[in-house]
Amino acid sequence: MFSFDWPWAAVLLPLPLLIRWLWPRPHGATDAYAHGDNSTLLHPALGRLASTFVAARSLTHAGSRLQLAVLALLWVFLVIALMQPQWLEPYTEIRTEGYDLMLAVDTSRSMEALDFTVQGRQVTRMAVIKGVLARFIKARDGDRIGIVVFGSQAFVLSPMTLDMQALQSLLDGVVSRMAGDGTAIGDAIGLGVKKLRERPEGSRVLILVTDGENTEGSLPPMLAAKLAAHEGIRIYTIGVGSKGLVPFYEDGRLKQVEMEIDEDLLTNVAKVTGGAYFRATDTGALEKIYRQIDTLEKTQAESRTVMIPRPLYRWPLGLALLLVFLLGMFPDGIPRAWLTRHADG
């Protein structure tokens, strides 16, 4: 569909005529033919000379009229370019039914603990979580998923998106302590609530994955949970790792470090919002979350059509530049010899 972005610029089209009408003429400007000239010219072939002069004068007037037409076209093309002509192409974005899921992932220092074993080899909690979440993301076809990472502070790693490949790439880059050494559970919940409340009601889900206690942040976790409940957001909490002494690399040596998980807090956060708490001592806990989420109401399919403009101002602007070039080639109008040759032809 063709349209102008600035159609009001068309009011400039009659501007040259208005200026010509309002601009005062210089004093003393006269037309010799209008007033007459009584001087006597002696010439042996006066009639022939007069006919030649009249023909040349008519050709000069023709050149002036042509130059005036070129100037008028130049102004028209410039105004059209200023009106920003464009071709609007419709683009329809379709969103299928699905859930709106925000993953809040703990990246604190304690996620480096080596209390998981995969194929007989000790691995960190972070490695296990990344593997579990990767399978989780791959299984959520049609859902909109975002990622919040938190340590001493929380920030959005990815907004809500349907691009699972991009999410997987971002998740691969998550490392321990990237957001600090502490654990700001309340801030992570608050940031997830802020992003999820923009989505339709009925399918807002926050999955909180952590391995410790709330030690940082400005927002208390229970207050953040009440805000989530007020916005209709369900929180499913996952406690990762073991309690007590766990193996941990520190200063280049493997040590046994005392670690705790605040299961009471995680249980209460989930309970306030209508969610549930799971202990992730193995990957089987994820299957339970699948079943819990599938009982919720999905967001209905959405479609939105937007018009993408393709600018066309280059065409009238190019024609205007071509006319400027012609005027530059013939600043005094069309040459008389050119007009005479074409008139004789």
C-alpha atoms as a PDB file:
ATOM      1  CA  MET A   1       0.000   0.000   0.000  1.00  0.00           C
ATOM      2  CA  PHE A   2       1.353   3.387  -1.034  1.00  0.00           C
ATOM      3  CA  SER A   3       1.235   6.350   1.349  1.00  0.00           C
ATOM      4  CA  PHE A   4       3.063   9.484   2.474  1.00  0.00           C
ATOM      5  CA  ASP A   5       4.582   9.738   5.936  1.00  0.00           C
ATOM      6  CA  TRP A   6       4.390  13.567   5.873  1.00  0.00           C
ATOM      7  CA  PRO A   7       1.409  14.323   3.601  1.00  0.00           C
ATOM      8  CA  TRP A   8       1.001  17.785   5.138  1.00  0.00           C
ATOM      9  CA  ALA A   9       4.176  18.876   3.333  1.00  0.00           C
ATOM     10  CA  ALA A  10       2.031  19.177   0.184  1.00  0.00           C
ATOM     11  CA  VAL A  11       1.046  22.681   1.362  1.00  0.00           C
ATOM     12  CA  LEU A  12       4.487  23.792   0.127  1.00  0.00           C
ATOM     13  CA  LEU A  13       3.616  23.103  -3.535  1.00  0.00           C
ATOM     14  CA  PRO A  14       2.077  26.563  -4.279  1.00  0.00           C
ATOM     15  CA  LEU A  15       4.823  28.398  -2.347  1.00  0.00           C
ATOM     16  CA  PRO A  16       6.765  29.613  -5.474  1.00  0.00           C
ATOM     17  CA  LEU A  17       3.569  31.060  -6.988  1.00  0.00           C
ATOM     18  CA  LEU A  18       2.768  32.790  -3.718  1.00  0.00           C
ATOM     19  CA  ILE A  19       6.254  34.290  -3.523  1.00  0.00           C
ATOM     20  CA  ARG A  20       6.059  35.455  -7.157  1.00  0.00           C
ATOM     21  CA  TRP A  21       2.699  37.100  -6.464  1.00  0.00           C
ATOM     22  CA  LEU A  22       3.758  38.811  -3.226  1.00  0.00           C
ATOM     23  CA  TRP A  23       7.350  39.739  -4.167  1.00  0.00           C
ATOM     24  CA  PRO A  24       7.573  43.417  -5.249  1.00  0.00           C
ATOM     25  CA  ARG A  25       8.829  44.101  -8.791  1.00  0.00           C
ATOM     26  CA  PRO A  26      11.955  46.248  -9.097  1.00  0.00           C
ATOM     27  CA  HIS A  27      11.407  49.864 -10.094  1.00  0.00           C
ATOM     28  CA  GLY A  28      12.127  50.818 -13.704  1.00  0.00           C
ATOM     29  CA  ALA A  29      11.426  47.388 -15.153  1.00  0.00           C
ATOM     30  CA  THR A  30       9.668  47.985 -18.474  1.00  0.00           C
ATOM     31  CA  ASP A  31       8.904  46.133 -21.640  1.00  0.00           C
ATOM     32  CA  ALA A  32      10.145  47.905 -24.737  1.00  0.00           C
ATOM     33  CA  TYR A  33       7.446  46.329 -26.836  1.00  0.00           C
ATOM     34  CA  ALA A  34       4.710  47.278 -24.398  1.00  0.00           C
ATOM     35  CA  HIS A  35       5.641  50.996 -24.343  1.00  0.00           C
ATOM     36  CA  GLY A  36       6.855  51.234 -27.930  1.00  0.00           C
ATOM     37  CA  ASP A  37      10.136  52.615 -29.236  1.00  0.00           C
ATOM     38  CA  ASN A  38      10.083  55.586 -31.659  1.00  0.00           C
ATOM     39  CA  SER A  39      13.782  55.351 -32.606  1.00  0.00           C
ATOM     40  CA  THR A  40      14.539  55.042 -36.344  1.00  0.00           C
ATOM     41  CA  LEU A  41      16.646  52.192 -37.696  1.00  0.00           C
ATOM     42  CA  LEU A  42      18.135  52.596 -41.160  1.00  0.00           C
ATOM     43  CA  HIS A  43      18.812  49.277 -42.894  1.00  0.00           C
ATOM     44  CA  PRO A  44      18.685  48.267 -46.568  1.00  0.00           C
ATOM     45  CA  ALA A  45      16.557  45.182 -45.766  1.00  0.00           C
ATOM     46  CA  LEU A  46      14.559  46.331 -42.743  1.00  0.00           C
ATOM     47  CA  GLY A  47      11.659  43.933 -43.289  1.00  0.00           C
ATOM     48  CA  ARG A  48      13.903  40.904 -43.448  1.00  0.00           C
ATOM     49  CA  LEU A  49      15.764  41.997 -40.310  1.00  0.00           C
ATOM     50  CA  ALA A  50      12.517  42.528 -38.425  1.00  0.00           C
ATOM     51  CA  SER A  51      11.215  39.059 -39.324  1.00  0.00           C
ATOM     52  CA  THR A  52      14.482  37.474 -38.157  1.00  0.00           C
ATOM     53  CA  PHE A  53      14.363  39.360 -34.837  1.00  0.00           C
ATOM     54  CA  VAL A  54      10.763  38.298 -34.198  1.00  0.00           C
ATOM     55  CA  ALA A  55      11.629  34.637 -34.885  1.00  0.00           C
ATOM     56  CA  ALA A  56      14.638  34.748 -32.542  1.00  0.00           C
ATOM     57  CA  ARG A  57      12.565  36.427 -29.856  1.00  0.00           C
ATOM     58  CA  SER A  58       9.902  33.738 -30.082  1.00  0.00           C
ATOM     59  CA  LEU A  59      12.586  31.033 -29.766  1.00  0.00           C
ATOM     60  CA  THR A  60      14.044  32.773 -26.694  1.00  0.00           C
ATOM     61  CA  HIS A  61      10.608  32.891 -25.091  1.00  0.00           C
ATOM     62  CA  ALA A  62      10.205  29.176 -25.815  1.00  0.00           C
ATOM     63  CA  GLY A  63      13.516  28.457 -24.047  1.00  0.00           C
ATOM     64  CA  SER A  64      12.454  30.540 -21.067  1.00  0.00           C
ATOM     65  CA  ARG A  65       9.151  28.714 -20.845  1.00  0.00           C
ATOM     66  CA  LEU A  66      10.978  25.376 -20.942  1.00  0.00           C
ATOM     67  CA  GLN A  67      13.357  26.495 -18.196  1.00  0.00           C
ATOM     68  CA  LEU A  68      10.407  27.635 -16.096  1.00  0.00           C
ATOM     69  CA  ALA A  69       8.758  24.237 -16.562  1.00  0.00           C
ATOM     70  CA  VAL A  70      11.975  22.509 -15.438  1.00  0.00           C
ATOM     71  CA  LEU A  71      12.083  24.685 -12.313  1.00  0.00           C
ATOM     72  CA  ALA A  72       8.452  23.875 -11.560  1.00  0.00           C
ATOM     73  CA  LEU A  73       9.104  20.138 -11.902  1.00  0.00           C
ATOM     74  CA  LEU A  74      12.182  20.478  -9.717  1.00  0.00           C
ATOM     75  CA  TRP A  75      10.108  22.043  -6.939  1.00  0.00           C
ATOM     76  CA  VAL A  76       7.376  19.405  -7.268  1.00  0.00           C
ATOM     77  CA  PHE A  77       9.885  16.537  -6.984  1.00  0.00           C
ATOM     78  CA  LEU A  78      11.562  18.122  -3.956  1.00  0.00           C
ATOM     79  CA  VAL A  79       8.227  18.527  -2.174  1.00  0.00           C
ATOM     80  CA  ILE A  80       7.258  14.934  -2.980  1.00  0.00           C
ATOM     81  CA  ALA A  81      10.565  13.730  -1.536  1.00  0.00           C
ATOM     82  CA  LEU A  82       9.910  15.816   1.588  1.00  0.00           C
ATOM     83  CA  MET A  83       6.479  14.167   1.931  1.00  0.00           C
ATOM     84  CA  GLN A  84       8.391  10.864   2.367  1.00  0.00           C
ATOM     85  CA  PRO A  85       6.567   8.496   0.026  1.00  0.00           C
ATOM     86  CA  GLN A  86       6.647   4.909   1.216  1.00  0.00           C
ATOM     87  CA  TRP A  87       5.340   1.471   0.403  1.00  0.00           C
ATOM     88  CA  LEU A  88       3.733  -0.278   3.391  1.00  0.00           C
ATOM     89  CA  GLU A  89       4.164  -4.048   3.505  1.00  0.00           C
ATOM     90  CA  PRO A  90       1.988  -5.959   6.006  1.00  0.00           C
ATOM     91  CA  TYR A  91       3.746  -8.338   8.397  1.00  0.00           C
ATOM     92  CA  THR A  92       1.719 -10.643  10.642  1.00  0.00           C
ATOM     93  CA  GLU A  93       3.224 -12.033  13.842  1.00  0.00           C
ATOM     94  CA  ILE A  94       1.442 -15.108  15.212  1.00  0.00           C
ATOM     95  CA  ARG A  95       1.973 -16.347  18.744  1.00  0.00           C
ATOM     96  CA  THR A  96       0.669 -19.796  19.534  1.00  0.00           C
ATOM     97  CA  GLU A  97      -0.818 -20.978  22.824  1.00  0.00           C
ATOM     98  CA  GLY A  98       1.702 -21.521  25.550  1.00  0.00           C
ATOM     99  CA  TYR A  99       2.972 -20.578  28.959  1.00  0.00           C
ATOM    100  CA  ASP A 100       4.973 -17.572  30.064  1.00  0.00           C
ATOM    101  CA  LEU A 101       7.892 -18.980  32.051  1.00  0.00           C
ATOM    102  CA  MET A 102      10.655 -17.050  33.788  1.00  0.00           C
ATOM    103  CA  LEU A 103      13.647 -19.052  34.990  1.00  0.00           C
ATOM    104  CA  ALA A 104      15.502 -17.477  37.947  1.00  0.00           C
ATOM    105  CA  VAL A 105      18.886 -19.206  38.196  1.00  0.00           C
ATOM    106  CA  ASP A 106      21.205 -18.899  41.194  1.00  0.00           C
ATOM    107  CA  THR A 107      24.806 -18.207  40.093  1.00  0.00           C
ATOM    108  CA  SER A 108      26.307 -17.601  43.526  1.00  0.00           C
ATOM    109  CA  ARG A 109      29.655 -18.948  44.691  1.00  0.00           C
ATOM    110  CA  SER A 110      28.074 -22.009  46.306  1.00  0.00           C
ATOM    111  CA  MET A 111      27.036 -23.284  42.853  1.00  0.00           C
ATOM    112  CA  GLU A 112      30.653 -24.420  42.443  1.00  0.00           C
ATOM    113  CA  ALA A 113      30.117 -27.199  45.024  1.00  0.00           C
ATOM    114  CA  LEU A 114      30.938 -30.713  43.732  1.00  0.00           C
ATOM    115  CA  ASP A 115      28.132 -32.731  45.316  1.00  0.00           C
ATOM    116  CA  PHE A 116      26.705 -34.180  42.076  1.00  0.00           C
ATOM    117  CA  THR A 117      28.038 -37.144  40.153  1.00  0.00           C
ATOM    118  CA  VAL A 118      27.548 -37.766  36.431  1.00  0.00           C
ATOM    119  CA  GLN A 119      28.855 -41.007  34.964  1.00  0.00           C
ATOM    120  CA  GLY A 120      31.073 -41.564  37.983  1.00  0.00           C
ATOM    121  CA  ARG A 121      32.628 -38.072  37.777  1.00  0.00           C
ATOM    122  CA  GLN A 122      32.108 -35.247  40.244  1.00  0.00           C
ATOM    123  CA  VAL A 123      30.525 -32.175  38.674  1.00  0.00           C
ATOM    124  CA  THR A 124      29.440 -28.809  40.009  1.00  0.00           C
ATOM    125  CA  ARG A 125      25.904 -27.850  40.843  1.00  0.00           C
ATOM    126  CA  MET A 126      26.015 -25.267  38.080  1.00  0.00           C
ATOM    127  CA  ALA A 127      26.874 -27.886  35.453  1.00  0.00           C
ATOM    128  CA  VAL A 128      23.953 -30.057  36.563  1.00  0.00           C
ATOM    129  CA  ILE A 129      21.541 -27.111  36.619  1.00  0.00           C
ATOM    130  CA  LYS A 130      22.570 -26.005  33.129  1.00  0.00           C
ATOM    131  CA  GLY A 131      22.028 -29.522  31.789  1.00  0.00           C
ATOM    132  CA  VAL A 132      18.625 -29.838  33.467  1.00  0.00           C
ATOM    133  CA  LEU A 133      17.471 -26.415  32.280  1.00  0.00           C
ATOM    134  CA  ALA A 134      18.694 -27.133  28.743  1.00  0.00           C
ATOM    135  CA  ARG A 135      16.433 -30.199  28.579  1.00  0.00           C
ATOM    136  CA  PHE A 136      13.632 -28.203  30.169  1.00  0.00           C
ATOM    137  CA  ILE A 137      13.881 -25.451  27.555  1.00  0.00           C
ATOM    138  CA  LYS A 138      14.029 -27.955  24.707  1.00  0.00           C
ATOM    139  CA  ALA A 139      10.819 -29.626  25.927  1.00  0.00           C
ATOM    140  CA  ARG A 140       8.807 -26.379  26.208  1.00  0.00           C
ATOM    141  CA  ASP A 141       7.861 -25.993  22.549  1.00  0.00           C
ATOM    142  CA  GLY A 142       5.543 -22.995  22.074  1.00  0.00           C
ATOM    143  CA  ASP A 143       6.199 -21.477  25.501  1.00  0.00           C
ATOM    144  CA  ARG A 144       7.693 -18.032  26.010  1.00  0.00           C
ATOM    145  CA  ILE A 145      10.703 -18.309  28.310  1.00  0.00           C
ATOM    146  CA  GLY A 146      12.962 -15.712  29.899  1.00  0.00           C
ATOM    147  CA  ILE A 147      15.998 -16.062  32.143  1.00  0.00           C
ATOM    148  CA  VAL A 148      16.999 -14.093  35.251  1.00  0.00           C
ATOM    149  CA  VAL A 149      20.357 -14.815  36.857  1.00  0.00           C
ATOM    150  CA  PHE A 150      21.146 -13.715  40.384  1.00  0.00           C
ATOM    151  CA  GLY A 151      23.932 -13.702  42.919  1.00  0.00           C
ATOM    152  CA  SER A 152      24.577 -10.610  45.025  1.00  0.00           C
ATOM    153  CA  GLN A 153      22.278  -8.855  42.548  1.00  0.00           C
ATOM    154  CA  ALA A 154      19.779  -9.934  39.917  1.00  0.00           C
ATOM    155  CA  PHE A 155      19.579  -9.052  36.231  1.00  0.00           C
ATOM    156  CA  VAL A 156      17.716 -10.216  33.126  1.00  0.00           C
ATOM    157  CA  LEU A 157      19.823 -12.483  30.950  1.00  0.00           C
ATOM    158  CA  SER A 158      17.055 -12.920  28.360  1.00  0.00           C
ATOM    159  CA  PRO A 159      13.597 -11.350  28.009  1.00  0.00           C
ATOM    160  CA  MET A 160      10.559 -13.477  27.222  1.00  0.00           C
ATOM    161  CA  THR A 161      11.118 -15.154  23.860  1.00  0.00           C
ATOM    162  CA  LEU A 162      10.065 -18.068  21.677  1.00  0.00           C
ATOM    163  CA  ASP A 163      13.600 -18.458  20.315  1.00  0.00           C
ATOM    164  CA  MET A 164      14.769 -21.567  22.153  1.00  0.00           C
ATOM    165  CA  GLN A 165      18.051 -21.655  20.261  1.00  0.00           C
ATOM    166  CA  ALA A 166      18.982 -18.174  21.468  1.00  0.00           C
ATOM    167  CA  LEU A 167      18.018 -19.121  25.018  1.00  0.00           C
ATOM    168  CA  GLN A 168      20.207 -22.220  24.868  1.00  0.00           C
ATOM    169  CA  SER A 169      23.134 -20.157  23.648  1.00  0.00           C
ATOM    170  CA  LEU A 170      22.710 -17.679  26.516  1.00  0.00           C
ATOM    171  CA  LEU A 171      22.360 -20.476  29.046  1.00  0.00           C
ATOM    172  CA  ASP A 172      25.628 -22.031  27.847  1.00  0.00           C
ATOM    173  CA  GLY A 173      27.380 -18.803  28.814  1.00  0.00           C
ATOM    174  CA  VAL A 174      26.136 -18.794  32.417  1.00  0.00           C
ATOM    175  CA  VAL A 175      28.903 -19.317  34.971  1.00  0.00           C
ATOM    176  CA  SER A 176      29.113 -19.220  38.737  1.00  0.00           C
ATOM    177  CA  ARG A 177      29.725 -15.856  40.438  1.00  0.00           C
ATOM    178  CA  MET A 178      28.799 -13.896  37.288  1.00  0.00           C
ATOM    179  CA  ALA A 179      26.366 -11.835  39.400  1.00  0.00           C
ATOM    180  CA  GLY A 180      28.388 -11.886  42.610  1.00  0.00           C
ATOM    181  CA  ASP A 181      29.090 -14.322  45.430  1.00  0.00           C
ATOM    182  CA  GLY A 182      25.917 -13.765  47.482  1.00  0.00           C
ATOM    183  CA  THR A 183      22.333 -14.984  47.029  1.00  0.00           C
ATOM    184  CA  ALA A 184      19.644 -12.321  46.498  1.00  0.00           C
ATOM    185  CA  ILE A 185      16.545 -14.517  46.282  1.00  0.00           C
ATOM    186  CA  GLY A 186      14.091 -11.684  46.955  1.00  0.00           C
ATOM    187  CA  ASP A 187      15.556  -9.453  44.235  1.00  0.00           C
ATOM    188  CA  ALA A 188      15.419 -12.318  41.734  1.00  0.00           C
ATOM    189  CA  ILE A 189      11.735 -12.938  42.475  1.00  0.00           C
ATOM    190  CA  GLY A 190      10.968  -9.222  42.270  1.00  0.00           C
ATOM    191  CA  LEU A 191      12.664  -8.874  38.879  1.00  0.00           C
ATOM    192  CA  GLY A 192      10.849 -11.940  37.555  1.00  0.00           C
ATOM    193  CA  VAL A 193       7.512 -10.513  38.752  1.00  0.00           C
ATOM    194  CA  LYS A 194       8.247  -7.224  37.003  1.00  0.00           C
ATOM    195  CA  LYS A 195       8.726  -8.996  33.678  1.00  0.00           C
ATOM    196  CA  LEU A 196       5.907 -11.526  34.007  1.00  0.00           C
ATOM    197  CA  ARG A 197       3.163  -9.081  34.991  1.00  0.00           C
ATOM    198  CA  GLU A 198       3.337  -7.624  31.481  1.00  0.00           C
ATOM    199  CA  ARG A 199       2.064 -10.940  30.102  1.00  0.00           C
ATOM    200  CA  PRO A 200      -1.594 -12.145  29.980  1.00  0.00           C
ATOM    201  CA  GLU A 201      -3.008 -13.695  33.136  1.00  0.00           C
ATOM    202  CA  GLY A 202      -3.450 -17.421  33.601  1.00  0.00           C
ATOM    203  CA  SER A 203      -0.072 -18.777  32.590  1.00  0.00           C
ATOM    204  CA  ARG A 204       2.511 -16.710  34.479  1.00  0.00           C
ATOM    205  CA  VAL A 205       5.078 -19.031  36.025  1.00  0.00           C
ATOM    206  CA  LEU A 206       8.365 -18.312  37.796  1.00  0.00           C
ATOM    207  CA  ILE A 207      10.760 -21.206  38.385  1.00  0.00           C
ATOM    208  CA  LEU A 208      13.336 -20.352  41.047  1.00  0.00           C
ATOM    209  CA  VAL A 209      16.459 -22.521  41.177  1.00  0.00           C
ATOM    210  CA  THR A 210      18.792 -21.959  44.140  1.00  0.00           C
ATOM    211  CA  ASP A 211      21.124 -23.872  46.421  1.00  0.00           C
ATOM    212  CA  GLY A 212      21.302 -21.711  49.500  1.00  0.00           C
ATOM    213  CA  GLU A 213      19.853 -19.038  51.728  1.00  0.00           C
ATOM    214  CA  ASN A 214      18.935 -15.413  51.095  1.00  0.00           C
ATOM    215  CA  THR A 215      22.054 -13.438  52.020  1.00  0.00           C
ATOM    216  CA  GLU A 216      21.908 -10.351  49.801  1.00  0.00           C
ATOM    217  CA  GLY A 217      19.446  -7.988  48.168  1.00  0.00           C
ATOM    218  CA  SER A 218      17.085  -5.208  49.170  1.00  0.00           C
ATOM    219  CA  LEU A 219      13.754  -7.053  48.773  1.00  0.00           C
ATOM    220  CA  PRO A 220      12.757  -9.697  51.357  1.00  0.00           C
ATOM    221  CA  PRO A 221      11.845 -12.992  49.651  1.00  0.00           C
ATOM    222  CA  MET A 222       8.438 -13.340  51.349  1.00  0.00           C
ATOM    223  CA  LEU A 223       7.443  -9.799  50.383  1.00  0.00           C
ATOM    224  CA  ALA A 224       8.480 -10.553  46.807  1.00  0.00           C
ATOM    225  CA  ALA A 225       6.397 -13.742  46.931  1.00  0.00           C
ATOM    226  CA  LYS A 226       3.337 -11.781  48.080  1.00  0.00           C
ATOM    227  CA  LEU A 227       3.834  -9.384  45.160  1.00  0.00           C
ATOM    228  CA  ALA A 228       3.942 -12.397  42.839  1.00  0.00           C
ATOM    229  CA  ALA A 229       0.725 -13.769  44.319  1.00  0.00           C
ATOM    230  CA  HIS A 230      -0.941 -10.378  43.860  1.00  0.00           C
ATOM    231  CA  GLU A 231       0.023 -10.441  40.172  1.00  0.00           C
ATOM    232  CA  GLY A 232      -1.274 -14.015  39.699  1.00  0.00           C
ATOM    233  CA  ILE A 233       2.211 -15.495  39.259  1.00  0.00           C
ATOM    234  CA  ARG A 234       2.906 -19.002  40.500  1.00  0.00           C
ATOM    235  CA  ILE A 235       6.384 -19.742  41.800  1.00  0.00           C
ATOM    236  CA  TYR A 236       7.913 -23.201  41.699  1.00  0.00           C
ATOM    237  CA  THR A 237      11.073 -23.389  43.783  1.00  0.00           C
ATOM    238  CA  ILE A 238      13.849 -25.945  43.375  1.00  0.00           C
ATOM    239  CA  GLY A 239      16.442 -26.541  46.072  1.00  0.00           C
ATOM    240  CA  VAL A 240      19.676 -27.800  44.526  1.00  0.00           C
ATOM    241  CA  GLY A 241      22.370 -29.848  46.240  1.00  0.00           C
ATOM    242  CA  SER A 242      22.977 -31.476  49.589  1.00  0.00           C
ATOM    243  CA  LYS A 243      23.023 -30.113  53.098  1.00  0.00           C
ATOM    244  CA  GLY A 244      25.958 -30.347  55.464  1.00  0.00           C
ATOM    245  CA  LEU A 245      29.538 -30.947  54.373  1.00  0.00           C
ATOM    246  CA  VAL A 246      29.999 -30.901  50.606  1.00  0.00           C
ATOM    247  CA  PRO A 247      33.198 -31.018  48.495  1.00  0.00           C
ATOM    248  CA  PHE A 248      34.297 -27.597  47.289  1.00  0.00           C
ATOM    249  CA  TYR A 249      37.401 -26.299  45.549  1.00  0.00           C
ATOM    250  CA  GLU A 250      38.939 -23.434  47.468  1.00  0.00           C
ATOM    251  CA  ASP A 251      42.445 -21.966  47.044  1.00  0.00           C
ATOM    252  CA  GLY A 252      43.269 -24.746  44.573  1.00  0.00           C
ATOM    253  CA  ARG A 253      42.445 -27.514  47.081  1.00  0.00           C
ATOM    254  CA  LEU A 254      39.386 -29.734  47.505  1.00  0.00           C
ATOM    255  CA  LYS A 255      37.819 -29.105  50.909  1.00  0.00           C
ATOM    256  CA  GLN A 256      34.681 -30.080  52.808  1.00  0.00           C
ATOM    257  CA  VAL A 257      32.534 -26.989  53.334  1.00  0.00           C
ATOM    258  CA  GLU A 258      29.346 -26.683  55.408  1.00  0.00           C
ATOM    259  CA  MET A 259      26.379 -25.571  53.284  1.00  0.00           C
ATOM    260  CA  GLU A 260      22.675 -25.189  53.993  1.00  0.00           C
ATOM    261  CA  ILE A 261      19.484 -24.801  51.974  1.00  0.00           C
ATOM    262  CA  ASP A 262      16.684 -22.721  53.443  1.00  0.00           C
ATOM    263  CA  GLU A 263      13.952 -25.202  52.584  1.00  0.00           C
ATOM    264  CA  ASP A 264      11.426 -23.513  54.858  1.00  0.00           C
ATOM    265  CA  LEU A 265      11.789 -20.253  52.929  1.00  0.00           C
ATOM    266  CA  LEU A 266      11.537 -21.957  49.537  1.00  0.00           C
ATOM    267  CA  THR A 267       8.482 -23.915  50.670  1.00  0.00           C
ATOM    268  CA  ASN A 268       6.709 -20.810  51.973  1.00  0.00           C
ATOM    269  CA  VAL A 269       7.506 -18.790  48.832  1.00  0.00           C
ATOM    270  CA  ALA A 270       5.956 -21.509  46.683  1.00  0.00           C
ATOM    271  CA  LYS A 271       2.969 -21.962  49.008  1.00  0.00           C
ATOM    272  CA  VAL A 272       2.049 -18.256  49.056  1.00  0.00           C
ATOM    273  CA  THR A 273       1.829 -18.184  45.245  1.00  0.00           C
ATOM    274  CA  GLY A 274       0.066 -21.507  44.753  1.00  0.00           C
ATOM    275  CA  GLY A 275       3.165 -23.254  43.476  1.00  0.00           C
ATOM    276  CA  ALA A 276       5.266 -26.063  44.923  1.00  0.00           C
ATOM    277  CA  TYR A 277       8.752 -26.768  46.264  1.00  0.00           C
ATOM    278  CA  PHE A 278      11.009 -29.552  44.951  1.00  0.00           C
ATOM    279  CA  ARG A 279      14.365 -30.913  46.055  1.00  0.00           C
ATOM    280  CA  ALA A 280      16.612 -31.385  43.029  1.00  0.00           C
ATOM    281  CA  THR A 281      18.824 -34.187  44.278  1.00  0.00           C
ATOM    282  CA  ASP A 282      18.352 -35.735  40.823  1.00  0.00           C
ATOM    283  CA  THR A 283      16.767 -34.813  37.514  1.00  0.00           C
ATOM    284  CA  GLY A 284      13.513 -36.564  38.385  1.00  0.00           C
ATOM    285  CA  ALA A 285      12.244 -33.430  40.118  1.00  0.00           C
ATOM    286  CA  LEU A 286      11.939 -31.741  36.760  1.00  0.00           C
ATOM    287  CA  GLU A 287       9.336 -34.253  35.554  1.00  0.00           C
ATOM    288  CA  LYS A 288       7.111 -33.281  38.486  1.00  0.00           C
ATOM    289  CA  ILE A 289       7.353 -29.627  37.472  1.00  0.00           C
ATOM    290  CA  TYR A 290       6.318 -30.526  33.927  1.00  0.00           C
ATOM    291  CA  ARG A 291       3.106 -32.079  35.195  1.00  0.00           C
ATOM    292  CA  GLN A 292       2.378 -29.162  37.511  1.00  0.00           C
ATOM    293  CA  ILE A 293       2.790 -26.589  34.751  1.00  0.00           C
ATOM    294  CA  ASP A 294       0.675 -28.541  32.274  1.00  0.00           C
ATOM    295  CA  THR A 295      -2.352 -28.222  34.579  1.00  0.00           C
ATOM    296  CA  LEU A 296      -2.385 -24.427  34.201  1.00  0.00           C
ATOM    297  CA  GLU A 297      -4.402 -22.457  31.680  1.00  0.00           C
ATOM    298  CA  LYS A 298      -2.476 -21.592  28.554  1.00  0.00           C
ATOM    299  CA  THR A 299      -2.312 -18.122  27.101  1.00  0.00           C
ATOM    300  CA  GLN A 300      -4.550 -17.880  24.059  1.00  0.00           C
ATOM    301  CA  ALA A 301      -2.987 -17.486  20.630  1.00  0.00           C
ATOM    302  CA  GLU A 302      -2.185 -13.901  19.674  1.00  0.00           C
ATOM    303  CA  SER A 303      -1.786 -12.391  16.230  1.00  0.00           C
ATOM    304  CA  ARG A 304      -0.643  -8.903  15.396  1.00  0.00           C
ATOM    305  CA  THR A 305      -0.236  -7.262  12.009  1.00  0.00           C
ATOM    306  CA  VAL A 306       2.141  -4.363  11.589  1.00  0.00           C
ATOM    307  CA  MET A 307       2.899  -2.344   8.473  1.00  0.00           C
ATOM    308  CA  ILE A 308       6.602  -2.195   7.642  1.00  0.00           C
ATOM    309  CA  PRO A 309       7.452   0.934   5.605  1.00  0.00           C
ATOM    310  CA  ARG A 310       9.841   0.850   2.674  1.00  0.00           C
ATOM    311  CA  PRO A 311      11.020   4.412   1.878  1.00  0.00           C
ATOM    312  CA  LEU A 312      10.622   5.626  -1.730  1.00  0.00           C
ATOM    313  CA  TYR A 313      11.893   9.210  -1.374  1.00  0.00           C
ATOM    314  CA  ARG A 314      15.024   8.322  -3.361  1.00  0.00           C
ATOM    315  CA  TRP A 315      13.098   8.326  -6.647  1.00  0.00           C
ATOM    316  CA  PRO A 316      11.676  11.882  -6.594  1.00  0.00           C
ATOM    317  CA  LEU A 317      14.905  13.124  -5.011  1.00  0.00           C
ATOM    318  CA  GLY A 318      16.927  11.503  -7.793  1.00  0.00           C
ATOM    319  CA  LEU A 319      14.753  13.135 -10.461  1.00  0.00           C
ATOM    320  CA  ALA A 320      15.155  16.498  -8.719  1.00  0.00           C
ATOM    321  CA  LEU A 321      18.953  16.098  -8.766  1.00  0.00           C
ATOM    322  CA  LEU A 322      18.799  15.264 -12.474  1.00  0.00           C
ATOM    323  CA  LEU A 323      16.879  18.477 -13.141  1.00  0.00           C
ATOM    324  CA  VAL A 324      19.422  20.439 -11.072  1.00  0.00           C
ATOM    325  CA  PHE A 325      22.129  18.961 -13.305  1.00  0.00           C
ATOM    326  CA  LEU A 326      20.273  20.105 -16.445  1.00  0.00           C
ATOM    327  CA  LEU A 327      19.851  23.596 -15.033  1.00  0.00           C
ATOM    328  CA  GLY A 328      23.554  23.662 -14.245  1.00  0.00           C
ATOM    329  CA  MET A 329      24.378  22.685 -17.824  1.00  0.00           C
ATOM    330  CA  PHE A 330      22.159  25.476 -19.232  1.00  0.00           C
ATOM    331  CA  PRO A 331      22.091  28.280 -16.611  1.00  0.00           C
ATOM    332  CA  ASP A 332      20.948  30.854 -19.201  1.00  0.00           C
ATOM    333  CA  GLY A 333      18.161  28.752 -20.604  1.00  0.00           C
ATOM    334  CA  ILE A 334      18.108  26.504 -23.637  1.00  0.00           C
ATOM    335  CA  PRO A 335      20.748  27.626 -26.162  1.00  0.00           C
ATOM    336  CA  ARG A 336      19.332  29.513 -29.116  1.00  0.00           C
ATOM    337  CA  ALA A 337      21.278  27.414 -31.602  1.00  0.00           C
ATOM    338  CA  TRP A 338      19.800  24.231 -30.150  1.00  0.00           C
ATOM    339  CA  LEU A 339      16.299  25.643 -30.349  1.00  0.00           C
ATOM    340  CA  THR A 340      16.863  26.913 -33.890  1.00  0.00           C
ATOM    341  CA  ARG A 341      18.180  23.544 -35.060  1.00  0.00           C
ATOM    342  CA  HIS A 342      15.235  21.692 -33.570  1.00  0.00           C
ATOM    343  CA  ALA A 343      12.780  24.289 -34.864  1.00  0.00           C
ATOM    344  CA  ASP A 344      14.183  23.940 -38.403  1.00  0.00           C
ATOM    345  CA  GLY A 345      13.982  20.189 -38.129  1.00  0.00           C
END
